[in-house]
């Protein structure tokens, strides 16, 4: 597993809060650092894929554990 530089728990937040909080956290990271995000928002899978595509971040891993989603994002 990759070294995690920052963790963000946005469980039980409805859209768009998980994405808003993630974008704020990504702004604090340096290029190459890794953010771990945990959410229960099912639309987050699509939203995080789209964000990474648009902004060039790397979506390293998606884990779906019975409705709890964990993402590892590497800042571009």
Foldseek 3Di string as FASTA:
>chain_A
DDDAPEEEEPEPPEPPVQVVVVVVVLVPDDAFHKYKYKYLYVCVVVVVVVVCVVQVKDFPDWDQDPRIIITIIGHD
